Amino acid sequence: MKIHYHPLSGHAHRVVLFASLLGVPHELVKVDLAAGAHKSPAFLALNPFGQIPVLEDGEIVLADSNAILVYLAKKAGRSDWLPEDALGAARVQRWLSVAAGELAYGPAAARLVTVFNASFNADEVIARAHVLLGRLEQHLADREWLAADHPTIADVAIYSYIAQAPEGNVYISGYPAVNALLRRIEALPGFVPFTQSRAGLRA
């Protein structure tokens, strides 16, 4: 199994993290984004969208980080990480949608400004990040995990960009329940940290 990734990509990190939490043997293949390797014909043959991560599992080639999380959980038969019952699966899907929406356009976008010089309006995306953090804080007020009474891929999908939100100049110290969730994820066997850059509040 190969994971095409970049160490500063939160989308890639969530896949690397989950593979490690599952104990799935895998090879990391670094994609040189600065050199435009993600736009090369060879990479576009794997993912026409030119985005990382991409998972290669034998003849199977799969893009999109959340889709890969679902694939890995299903392949491993781990219904603890991705419940089989209708309500449990729906609760996880809700947070995968947040990861692809509010998270991507808030904390992730704020980090893109400082780490990759993206052209987003910094004030706007930072404000979105705090709206999301406030909602997460409220949701976690009476629970330890996002979608169940144990960790699921919902928590994995949210982790990377929240943990490194300070790199996008998003303060997270005022959200104790969110920080407690991050620490619980970091305490899981097999946890691998997200590479830190020197951008934003990390500088």
Protein backbone atom coordinates (compact mmCIF):
# COMPACT_ATOMS: atom_id res chain seq x y z
CA MET A 1 0.00 0.00 0.00
CA LYS A 2 1.35 3.43 -0.99
CA ILE A 3 0.24 6.85 0.24
CA HIS A 4 1.19 9.76 -2.00
CA TYR A 5 1.49 12.69 0.37
CA HIS A 6 3.25 15.89 1.37
CA PRO A 7 4.36 16.35 4.99
CA LEU A 8 2.72 19.80 5.25
CA SER A 9 -0.66 18.69 3.88
CA GLY A 10 -3.32 18.20 6.51
CA HIS A 11 -5.44 16.19 4.10
CA ALA A 12 -2.52 13.83 3.58
CA HIS A 13 -1.73 13.71 7.29
CA ARG A 14 -5.20 12.47 8.21
CA VAL A 15 -4.67 9.47 5.92
CA VAL A 16 -1.14 8.78 7.20
CA LEU A 17 -2.41 9.13 10.77
CA PHE A 18 -5.30 6.72 10.28
CA ALA A 19 -3.17 4.13 8.52
CA SER A 20 -0.80 4.27 11.49
CA LEU A 21 -3.63 4.06 14.03
CA LEU A 22 -4.87 0.95 12.23
CA GLY A 23 -1.37 -0.50 12.07
CA VAL A 24 -1.65 -0.90 8.29
CA PRO A 25 1.75 -1.34 6.61
CA HIS A 26 2.25 1.42 4.04
CA GLU A 27 4.88 3.22 2.02
CA LEU A 28 4.95 7.01 1.97
CA VAL A 29 5.61 8.55 -1.44
CA LYS A 30 6.39 12.25 -1.15
CA VAL A 31 4.92 14.47 -3.86
CA ASP A 32 7.04 17.57 -4.51
CA LEU A 33 4.31 20.20 -4.65
CA ALA A 34 6.78 23.07 -5.03
CA ALA A 35 8.16 21.46 -8.19
CA GLY A 36 4.65 20.86 -9.53
CA ALA A 37 4.85 17.07 -9.30
CA HIS A 38 1.11 16.94 -8.55
CA LYS A 39 0.47 18.36 -12.04
CA SER A 40 2.74 15.90 -13.83
CA PRO A 41 1.18 13.42 -16.29
CA ALA A 42 2.21 10.51 -14.07
CA PHE A 43 0.44 11.95 -11.04
CA LEU A 44 -2.59 13.12 -13.00
CA ALA A 45 -2.98 9.54 -14.16
CA LEU A 46 -3.51 8.65 -10.49
CA ASN A 47 -5.70 11.66 -9.67
CA PRO A 48 -6.93 13.89 -12.52
CA PHE A 49 -7.72 16.59 -9.93
CA GLY A 50 -4.00 16.92 -9.19
CA GLN A 51 -4.50 16.72 -5.43
CA ILE A 52 -2.97 14.74 -2.60
CA PRO A 53 -3.35 12.35 -0.93
CA VAL A 54 -3.71 9.38 -3.25
CA LEU A 55 -3.82 5.80 -2.00
CA GLU A 56 -2.55 2.90 -4.09
CA ASP A 57 -3.58 -0.50 -2.79
CA GLY A 58 -2.63 -3.08 -5.38
CA GLU A 59 -4.74 -2.30 -8.46
CA ILE A 60 -6.93 0.12 -6.50
CA VAL A 61 -6.17 3.83 -6.80
CA LEU A 62 -8.21 6.12 -4.58
CA ALA A 63 -8.12 9.89 -4.09
CA ASP A 64 -9.80 12.20 -1.55
CA SER A 65 -8.70 11.96 2.06
CA ASN A 66 -12.14 11.30 3.55
CA ALA A 67 -12.89 8.62 0.96
CA ILE A 68 -9.58 6.98 1.84
CA LEU A 69 -10.48 7.02 5.55
CA VAL A 70 -13.72 5.21 4.75
CA TYR A 71 -11.90 2.71 2.53
CA LEU A 72 -9.26 1.92 5.15
CA ALA A 73 -11.84 1.46 7.92
CA LYS A 74 -14.04 -0.75 5.75
CA LYS A 75 -11.15 -2.82 4.42
CA ALA A 76 -9.89 -3.42 7.95
CA GLY A 77 -13.39 -4.35 9.10
CA ARG A 78 -13.16 -1.76 11.85
CA SER A 79 -16.73 -0.84 12.69
CA ASP A 80 -15.43 0.91 15.80
CA TRP A 81 -13.83 3.55 13.54
CA LEU A 82 -16.77 3.61 11.10
CA PRO A 83 -20.02 2.30 12.60
CA GLU A 84 -22.22 -0.01 10.53
CA ASP A 85 -25.55 1.10 12.00
CA ALA A 86 -27.46 3.84 10.21
CA LEU A 87 -27.31 6.46 12.96
CA GLY A 88 -23.68 5.81 13.84
CA ALA A 89 -22.61 6.04 10.20
CA ALA A 90 -24.63 9.23 9.73
CA ARG A 91 -23.04 10.86 12.77
CA VAL A 92 -19.59 10.14 11.37
CA GLN A 93 -20.60 11.39 7.91
CA ARG A 94 -21.78 14.66 9.40
CA TRP A 95 -18.25 15.40 10.60
CA LEU A 96 -16.66 14.23 7.36
CA SER A 97 -18.83 16.87 5.70
CA VAL A 98 -17.61 19.46 8.20
CA ALA A 99 -14.03 18.43 7.43
CA ALA A 100 -14.68 18.99 3.71
CA GLY A 101 -16.58 22.24 4.33
CA GLU A 102 -16.22 24.45 7.38
CA LEU A 103 -12.81 23.03 8.29
CA ALA A 104 -11.46 23.40 4.76
CA TYR A 105 -12.72 26.97 4.40
CA GLY A 106 -11.75 28.03 7.91
CA PRO A 107 -8.67 26.66 9.74
CA ALA A 108 -7.26 24.91 6.67
CA ALA A 109 -7.62 27.98 4.48
CA ALA A 110 -6.07 30.23 7.14
CA ARG A 111 -3.07 27.90 7.24
CA LEU A 112 -2.82 27.91 3.45
CA VAL A 113 -2.31 31.69 3.59
CA THR A 114 0.76 31.47 5.82
CA VAL A 115 2.24 28.11 4.78
CA PHE A 116 1.56 28.13 1.02
CA ASN A 117 0.95 31.86 0.33
CA ALA A 118 -2.64 31.26 -0.76
CA SER A 119 -4.62 34.33 -1.76
CA PHE A 120 -7.51 33.95 0.69
CA ASN A 121 -8.62 36.94 2.76
CA ALA A 122 -6.84 36.17 6.03
CA ASP A 123 -9.28 38.00 8.30
CA GLU A 124 -12.23 36.24 6.69
CA VAL A 125 -10.88 32.71 6.94
CA ILE A 126 -9.59 33.27 10.49
CA ALA A 127 -13.07 34.44 11.48
CA ARG A 128 -14.56 31.30 9.92
CA ALA A 129 -12.07 29.21 11.86
CA HIS A 130 -13.22 30.68 15.15
CA VAL A 131 -16.87 30.09 14.29
CA LEU A 132 -16.05 26.42 13.74
CA LEU A 133 -13.94 26.21 16.88
CA GLY A 134 -16.80 27.68 18.88
CA ARG A 135 -19.19 25.09 17.51
CA LEU A 136 -16.74 22.28 18.22
CA GLU A 137 -16.27 23.56 21.76
CA GLN A 138 -20.01 23.56 22.32
CA HIS A 139 -20.43 20.09 20.81
CA LEU A 140 -17.64 18.67 22.99
CA ALA A 141 -18.95 20.22 26.20
CA ASP A 142 -20.56 16.95 27.29
CA ARG A 143 -18.70 14.33 25.24
CA GLU A 144 -15.14 13.16 24.65
CA TRP A 145 -15.37 12.27 20.95
CA LEU A 146 -17.17 13.86 18.03
CA ALA A 147 -19.44 11.11 16.76
CA ALA A 148 -19.49 8.26 19.31
CA ASP A 149 -18.36 7.29 22.79
CA HIS A 150 -15.02 6.25 21.27
CA PRO A 151 -12.76 7.60 18.51
CA THR A 152 -13.96 7.33 14.91
CA ILE A 153 -12.71 8.57 11.57
CA ALA A 154 -14.66 11.75 12.32
CA ASP A 155 -12.04 12.66 14.93
CA VAL A 156 -9.21 11.75 12.57
CA ALA A 157 -10.68 13.92 9.80
CA ILE A 158 -10.91 16.95 12.07
CA TYR A 159 -7.60 16.58 13.91
CA SER A 160 -4.82 17.77 11.61
CA TYR A 161 -6.04 21.23 10.65
CA ILE A 162 -7.33 22.00 14.14
CA ALA A 163 -4.06 20.90 15.76
CA GLN A 164 -2.05 23.12 13.39
CA ALA A 165 -4.53 26.01 13.28
CA PRO A 166 -1.99 28.30 15.01
CA GLU A 167 0.13 28.08 11.86
CA GLY A 168 -2.69 30.03 10.22
CA ASN A 169 -2.73 32.61 13.04
CA VAL A 170 -5.78 30.99 14.63
CA TYR A 171 -5.51 30.91 18.43
CA ILE A 172 -6.91 27.71 19.92
CA SER A 173 -5.94 28.16 23.57
CA GLY A 174 -9.40 29.53 24.39
CA TYR A 175 -11.10 26.26 23.50
CA PRO A 176 -10.34 23.80 26.33
CA ALA A 177 -12.71 21.05 25.18
CA VAL A 178 -11.22 21.16 21.66
CA ASN A 179 -7.72 20.97 23.09
CA ALA A 180 -8.75 18.04 25.27
CA LEU A 181 -9.93 16.22 22.13
CA LEU A 182 -6.57 16.87 20.46
CA ARG A 183 -4.73 15.44 23.46
CA ARG A 184 -6.96 12.32 23.46
CA ILE A 185 -6.21 11.71 19.79
CA GLU A 186 -2.48 12.23 20.40
CA ALA A 187 -2.60 9.62 23.17
CA LEU A 188 -3.96 6.90 20.86
CA PRO A 189 -1.58 4.00 20.11
CA GLY A 190 -0.01 4.53 16.70
CA PHE A 191 -0.44 8.30 16.68
CA VAL A 192 1.92 10.14 14.34
CA PRO A 193 2.29 13.93 14.61
CA PHE A 194 1.62 16.39 11.82
CA THR A 195 4.85 18.07 10.67
CA GLN A 196 4.99 21.64 11.95
CA SER A 197 6.01 24.56 9.79
CA ARG A 198 7.41 27.84 11.06
CA ALA A 199 4.43 29.80 9.78
CA GLY A 200 1.93 31.85 11.74
CA LEU A 201 1.85 31.56 15.51
CA ARG A 202 4.35 28.67 15.28
CA ALA A 203 7.07 31.01 13.99
